[in-house]
Every structure is written in C-alpha cells, then in structure tokens.
Amino acid sequence: MNWKHSWLIVLMVFAVAAASAQNPRKHIRKGNNAFEEGNFADAEVDYRKAVSANPEYYKGKFNLGDAMYEQKNMEESGKIFSELAESSEKPEVKSEALYNLGNTFMAQKKYKEAMQAFKKSLLLNPKDQDAKYNYEYARKKMIEQQKQQKNKDKNKDKKDKNKDKNKDQNKDKQKQDKDKKNQDKDKQDKKQDQKNKQDQQKKDQQNKDQKDQKGDQQKQQQQQNQPQQMSKKDAQRMLNALKNDEKKTLQKLQKKKAKTAKAKKSDIDW
C-alpha cells in the first residue's frame, strides 16, 4: 500500500516572498529533515509551527497529517486529511488528501470507509494507479473481513447454542439430582417411619407383657392372701365322705354293743 507525502511530490521555493510567507516554508523544510530521519514527533512540532504561521498553506497541514500517521495517531491524521480535502480548491490536493485519508481508514481496518475515500480520489484523478490498487486491496480486505465476521457470528451462534444446550443439560441434571435426592429422602423417611413404627410396636408389646405379667403376679398374690374357697362339688364330696364315715362309725358301735350284750350273763336264777 503506497503513501503520498507532499514534500516528495511538489516543493517549490519562491525566490522572492514576503516574510510572513517565508516562516512556514522554513518550518516545513526543518520538519521534512526530521521526517526523513524518522523523528516524526519533531517533524510534527515543525509542521504545527508552519500551520500556525499560515493556516491556509496546505503543505503544512498535509505534512502534519503524514507525521501523525507515522506516529500511529490515525484519528488525528484522518481528521487533518478530511479537513484538507474539504477545504482545498485544488483537485490534485483534494485527490491526494483523500488518498491518504483512505490509508488512515485502512490502518484502522475500516475497509468500507477506505474504499469510499479511494473512490473519491480516483474520481478526481482517474489515472492514479496507486489509488486503483489500494481501492481493490481495500475491497478484498473488506470481503475477507465480512467472511471472518460471518464465521465469527456463526461460531458465536454455535457457541451460544452449545452454551444454552449445556445450560439446559445442567438444568436437567440438577433437576434429576434434586429428584433423586428427594426420592432418596422419601425412602429414608419411609424407612425411618417404618423403623419407628416397629420400635413403637415392640415397645407397646413389651409394656403389655410387663403389664400382663404384673397383673398375673397381683392376681396370684391376691389368691394366696385370700382363703381357699371350696367348690360345691368338693363340698358335696366331703359331705358324702363324712356321712360314710359316720355310718361306718355307727355300725362299729352297734357291733360292739351287740357283742357286749351277748357276753353279759344274767344274774337271775331261773
């Protein structure tokens, strides 16, 4: 990509000029020397002095724009060339200013704006081969940029979709984990409830057994403390036994009495 510098193109020195006109040329010559040596900051200072001495002298502004370009200050350089293209009445100056303005856009990767600047420059100077080359180069870079941006957007959309997909998957996994956790908790709670129920039943049974055992002990103790009651059947049996004994005893007494009566002798003398 080519660059135009006014002092390399046209530098006319007038033999006779007013003192006010000699000062800007002096600063421009000094600035040009610094520019050639690569001291662009020093060149900027001298070019600004030239512009301050004569704001209408386009070479001071043109070279100041060059110095700003070399210092990578594209915004300031572009502003200077844009103002120069609008203010100058000379077609060749306007064309060169637009050409350099296109280069500042190229440096900023503003290829569409660069194409417009090179196109305007070509309208003023159709034979400028550098402007034609830079126009095509800017167009090619713009197409590449658009493709890159398209791929970037595509990749971004894909990345966003994958991000959303991963996000949904994470949500699903979180939901599954939460459901599983709730299920495990429900199982644990049911298991614990069942254990508590079994423990309570066991405890209730133990209390019942203890109560029954205590009741049996109390009943047994009461039975031991109370006199034994004879059943009606037992009483009848005992009564029958007593009657039988009494009958036997009476029979024995009768037999004994009969023996006594038999053994006794009568005292009467028949």
Protein backbone atom coordinates (compact mmCIF):
# COMPACT_ATOMS: atom_id res chain seq x y z
CA MET A 1 0.00 0.00 0.00
CA ASN A 2 1.53 3.30 -1.09
CA TRP A 3 1.60 6.61 0.74
CA LYS A 4 1.84 10.15 -0.58
CA HIS A 5 3.88 12.87 1.08
CA SER A 6 3.57 16.37 -0.27
CA TRP A 7 7.16 17.40 0.09
CA LEU A 8 8.19 14.40 -2.02
CA ILE A 9 5.74 15.40 -4.74
CA VAL A 10 5.89 19.15 -5.03
CA LEU A 11 8.15 21.54 -3.16
CA MET A 12 8.51 24.93 -4.83
CA VAL A 13 10.72 27.58 -3.35
CA PHE A 14 9.94 31.08 -4.33
CA ALA A 15 12.94 33.34 -4.69
CA VAL A 16 11.10 36.37 -3.51
CA ALA A 17 8.36 36.22 -0.90
CA ALA A 18 7.06 38.13 2.00
CA ALA A 19 8.50 37.43 5.44
CA SER A 20 5.15 36.02 6.61
CA ALA A 21 5.32 33.51 3.76
CA GLN A 22 8.93 32.52 4.45
CA ASN A 23 8.32 31.36 8.01
CA PRO A 24 6.00 28.38 7.17
CA ARG A 25 8.38 27.18 4.44
CA LYS A 26 11.27 27.32 6.88
CA HIS A 27 9.38 25.19 9.40
CA ILE A 28 8.31 22.78 6.69
CA ARG A 29 11.92 22.29 5.49
CA LYS A 30 13.02 21.67 9.05
CA GLY A 31 10.13 19.30 9.58
CA ASN A 32 10.94 17.46 6.37
CA ASN A 33 14.50 16.86 7.54
CA ALA A 34 13.23 15.42 10.83
CA PHE A 35 10.69 13.32 8.93
CA GLU A 36 13.40 11.83 6.67
CA GLU A 37 15.44 10.89 9.73
CA GLY A 38 12.39 9.18 11.30
CA ASN A 39 11.96 11.82 14.02
CA PHE A 40 8.22 12.10 13.45
CA ALA A 41 7.47 13.79 16.78
CA ASP A 42 9.99 16.56 15.98
CA ALA A 43 8.58 16.82 12.48
CA GLU A 44 5.10 17.24 13.96
CA VAL A 45 6.29 20.19 16.04
CA ASP A 46 7.74 21.99 12.99
CA TYR A 47 4.69 21.26 10.84
CA ARG A 48 2.41 22.65 13.51
CA LYS A 49 4.53 25.80 13.59
CA ALA A 50 4.12 26.08 9.82
CA VAL A 51 0.34 25.69 10.08
CA SER A 52 0.24 28.24 12.91
CA ALA A 53 2.27 30.70 10.79
CA ASN A 54 -0.02 30.28 7.79
CA PRO A 55 -3.20 28.16 8.27
CA GLU A 56 -4.02 28.49 4.56
CA TYR A 57 -0.75 26.92 3.44
CA TYR A 58 -1.87 23.37 2.60
CA LYS A 59 1.64 21.80 2.67
CA GLY A 60 1.91 22.37 6.42
CA LYS A 61 -1.38 20.59 7.05
CA PHE A 62 -0.60 17.83 4.55
CA ASN A 63 2.76 17.03 6.11
CA LEU A 64 1.32 17.31 9.62
CA GLY A 65 -1.17 14.61 8.65
CA ASP A 66 1.75 12.45 7.48
CA ALA A 67 3.60 12.92 10.77
CA MET A 68 0.53 11.92 12.78
CA TYR A 69 0.07 8.85 10.56
CA GLU A 70 3.64 7.72 11.20
CA GLN A 71 3.05 8.12 14.94
CA LYS A 72 0.04 5.74 14.66
CA ASN A 73 -2.40 8.52 15.54
CA MET A 74 -4.88 7.56 12.83
CA GLU A 75 -7.80 9.54 14.18
CA GLU A 76 -5.88 12.82 14.19
CA SER A 77 -4.28 12.07 10.83
CA GLY A 78 -7.64 11.20 9.26
CA LYS A 79 -9.20 14.35 10.67
CA ILE A 80 -6.47 16.51 9.13
CA PHE A 81 -6.76 14.91 5.67
CA SER A 82 -10.54 15.04 5.78
CA GLU A 83 -10.49 18.78 6.56
CA LEU A 84 -7.86 19.34 3.89
CA ALA A 85 -9.94 17.51 1.25
CA GLU A 86 -12.97 19.63 2.06
CA SER A 87 -11.18 22.99 2.29
CA SER A 88 -8.79 22.77 -0.66
CA GLU A 89 -9.91 24.08 -4.02
CA LYS A 90 -7.15 22.30 -5.92
CA PRO A 91 -8.25 18.92 -7.36
CA GLU A 92 -4.77 17.42 -7.07
CA VAL A 93 -4.58 18.39 -3.36
CA LYS A 94 -8.08 17.06 -2.69
CA SER A 95 -7.24 13.79 -4.51
CA GLU A 96 -4.01 13.24 -2.54
CA ALA A 97 -5.70 14.16 0.76
CA LEU A 98 -8.49 11.65 0.06
CA TYR A 99 -5.88 9.04 -0.88
CA ASN A 100 -4.10 9.45 2.46
CA LEU A 101 -7.44 9.56 4.27
CA GLY A 102 -8.15 6.13 2.75
CA ASN A 103 -4.86 4.87 4.14
CA THR A 104 -5.77 6.03 7.65
CA PHE A 105 -9.02 4.03 7.35
CA MET A 106 -7.06 1.02 6.11
CA ALA A 107 -4.80 1.19 9.17
CA GLN A 108 -7.92 1.10 11.35
CA LYS A 109 -9.38 -1.83 9.34
CA LYS A 110 -12.28 0.37 8.25
CA TYR A 111 -12.21 -1.06 4.74
CA LYS A 112 -15.59 0.20 3.60
CA GLU A 113 -14.68 3.80 4.51
CA ALA A 114 -11.27 3.32 2.87
CA MET A 115 -12.91 2.21 -0.39
CA GLN A 116 -15.10 5.31 -0.39
CA ALA A 117 -12.08 7.58 0.13
CA PHE A 118 -10.05 5.89 -2.65
CA LYS A 119 -13.05 6.05 -4.97
CA LYS A 120 -13.43 9.81 -4.41
CA SER A 121 -9.70 10.21 -5.01
CA LEU A 122 -9.99 8.32 -8.32
CA LEU A 123 -12.89 10.50 -9.44
CA LEU A 124 -10.58 13.49 -9.12
CA ASN A 125 -7.57 11.68 -10.62
CA PRO A 126 -8.60 8.58 -12.64
CA LYS A 127 -5.00 7.90 -13.73
CA ASP A 128 -3.74 7.38 -10.16
CA GLN A 129 -2.65 3.72 -10.25
CA ASP A 130 -1.87 3.69 -6.53
CA ALA A 131 -5.43 4.73 -5.73
CA LYS A 132 -6.76 1.98 -8.03
CA TYR A 133 -4.56 -0.64 -6.37
CA ASN A 134 -5.50 0.49 -2.85
CA TYR A 135 -9.19 0.52 -3.77
CA GLU A 136 -9.04 -3.13 -4.91
CA TYR A 137 -6.93 -4.07 -1.92
CA ALA A 138 -9.48 -2.44 0.43
CA ARG A 139 -12.32 -4.24 -1.36
CA LYS A 140 -10.54 -7.60 -0.96
CA LYS A 141 -9.87 -6.95 2.72
CA MET A 142 -13.48 -5.91 3.25
CA ILE A 143 -14.71 -9.21 1.74
CA GLU A 144 -12.30 -11.14 3.97
CA GLN A 145 -13.45 -9.15 6.96
CA GLN A 146 -17.10 -9.85 6.17
CA LYS A 147 -16.38 -13.57 5.85
CA GLN A 148 -14.46 -13.55 9.11
CA GLN A 149 -17.28 -11.68 10.80
CA LYS A 150 -19.80 -14.11 9.33
CA ASN A 151 -17.78 -17.09 10.59
CA LYS A 152 -17.32 -15.35 13.90
CA ASP A 153 -21.07 -14.76 14.19
CA LYS A 154 -21.71 -18.34 13.13
CA ASN A 155 -19.27 -19.66 15.71
CA LYS A 156 -20.77 -17.33 18.28
CA ASP A 157 -24.26 -18.62 17.47
CA LYS A 158 -22.98 -22.19 17.67
CA LYS A 159 -21.21 -21.42 20.92
CA ASP A 160 -24.33 -19.74 22.28
CA LYS A 161 -26.43 -22.75 21.23
CA ASN A 162 -23.96 -25.11 22.85
CA LYS A 163 -23.94 -22.89 25.89
CA ASP A 164 -27.74 -22.94 26.01
CA LYS A 165 -27.70 -26.70 25.42
CA ASN A 166 -25.18 -27.20 28.19
CA LYS A 167 -27.21 -24.89 30.36
CA ASP A 168 -30.35 -26.92 29.68
CA GLN A 169 -28.45 -30.13 30.29
CA ASN A 170 -27.14 -28.74 33.54
CA LYS A 171 -30.67 -27.75 34.50
CA ASP A 172 -31.92 -31.24 33.63
CA LYS A 173 -29.08 -32.80 35.58
CA GLN A 174 -29.75 -30.53 38.53
CA LYS A 175 -33.44 -31.44 38.34
CA GLN A 176 -32.58 -35.15 38.14
CA ASP A 177 -30.18 -34.81 41.05
CA LYS A 178 -32.81 -32.93 43.01
CA ASP A 179 -35.48 -35.52 42.19
CA LYS A 180 -33.12 -38.35 43.13
CA LYS A 181 -32.23 -36.55 46.34
CA ASN A 182 -35.93 -36.13 47.14
CA GLN A 183 -36.59 -39.77 46.31
CA ASP A 184 -33.71 -40.88 48.50
CA LYS A 185 -35.01 -38.64 51.26
CA ASP A 186 -38.52 -40.08 50.87
CA LYS A 187 -37.13 -43.60 51.02
CA GLN A 188 -35.07 -42.73 54.05
CA ASP A 189 -38.05 -41.08 55.72
CA LYS A 190 -40.27 -44.09 54.97
CA LYS A 191 -37.59 -46.42 56.24
CA GLN A 192 -37.21 -44.35 59.37
CA ASP A 193 -41.00 -44.20 59.85
CA GLN A 194 -41.23 -47.96 59.49
CA LYS A 195 -38.42 -48.44 61.99
CA ASN A 196 -40.07 -46.00 64.39
CA LYS A 197 -43.36 -47.87 63.98
CA GLN A 198 -41.71 -51.22 64.61
CA ASP A 199 -39.87 -49.84 67.62
CA GLN A 200 -43.13 -48.41 68.97
CA GLN A 201 -44.95 -51.73 68.41
CA LYS A 202 -42.14 -53.57 70.14
CA LYS A 203 -42.23 -51.08 72.98
CA ASP A 204 -46.02 -51.37 73.25
CA GLN A 205 -45.78 -55.18 73.29
CA GLN A 206 -43.14 -55.05 75.98
CA ASN A 207 -45.31 -52.69 78.03
CA LYS A 208 -48.30 -55.03 77.53
CA ASP A 209 -46.27 -58.08 78.52
CA GLN A 210 -44.98 -56.27 81.58
CA LYS A 211 -48.49 -55.15 82.45
CA ASP A 212 -49.89 -58.66 81.95
CA GLN A 213 -47.09 -60.16 83.98
CA LYS A 214 -47.65 -57.65 86.74
CA GLY A 215 -51.39 -58.37 86.65
CA ASP A 216 -50.77 -62.11 86.91
CA GLN A 217 -48.45 -61.56 89.83
CA GLN A 218 -51.02 -59.39 91.59
CA LYS A 219 -53.78 -61.94 90.95
CA GLN A 220 -51.63 -64.76 92.22
CA GLN A 221 -50.75 -62.78 95.30
CA GLN A 222 -54.41 -62.00 95.94
CA GLN A 223 -55.29 -65.66 95.60
CA GLN A 224 -52.57 -66.57 98.07
CA ASN A 225 -53.78 -63.98 100.57
CA GLN A 226 -57.47 -65.00 100.32
CA PRO A 227 -58.72 -68.25 101.98
CA GLN A 228 -59.30 -71.03 99.55
CA GLN A 229 -62.99 -71.49 98.77
CA MET A 230 -64.35 -74.99 98.31
CA SER A 231 -66.38 -75.68 95.27
CA LYS A 232 -69.91 -77.04 95.62
CA LYS A 233 -68.83 -80.37 94.18
CA ASP A 234 -65.95 -80.66 96.59
CA ALA A 235 -68.25 -79.77 99.49
CA GLN A 236 -70.74 -82.44 98.44
CA ARG A 237 -67.98 -84.95 98.15
CA MET A 238 -66.67 -84.09 101.58
CA LEU A 239 -70.19 -84.26 103.00
CA ASN A 240 -70.70 -87.67 101.47
CA ALA A 241 -67.40 -88.77 102.93
CA LEU A 242 -68.40 -87.56 106.33
CA LYS A 243 -71.71 -89.37 106.06
CA ASN A 244 -69.97 -92.56 105.07
CA ASP A 245 -67.55 -92.24 107.95
CA GLU A 246 -70.40 -91.55 110.35
CA LYS A 247 -72.30 -94.58 109.07
CA LYS A 248 -69.27 -96.78 109.45
CA THR A 249 -68.69 -95.48 112.94
CA LEU A 250 -72.33 -96.19 113.90
CA GLN A 251 -72.07 -99.69 112.54
CA LYS A 252 -68.97 -100.29 114.56
CA LEU A 253 -70.68 -99.04 117.68
CA GLN A 254 -73.69 -101.29 117.05
CA LYS A 255 -71.46 -104.31 116.56
CA LYS A 256 -69.59 -103.53 119.72
CA LYS A 257 -72.82 -103.09 121.62
CA ALA A 258 -74.13 -106.37 120.34
CA LYS A 259 -71.02 -108.19 121.48
CA THR A 260 -71.34 -106.69 124.91
CA ALA A 261 -74.90 -107.67 125.19
CA LYS A 262 -74.15 -111.21 124.19
CA ALA A 263 -71.33 -111.65 126.60
CA LYS A 264 -73.23 -110.41 129.66
CA LYS A 265 -74.63 -113.18 131.94
CA SER A 266 -77.93 -112.94 133.55
CA ASP A 267 -77.95 -112.87 137.27
CA ILE A 268 -81.45 -114.22 137.51
CA ASP A 269 -81.77 -117.82 138.66
CA TRP A 270 -84.29 -119.45 136.65
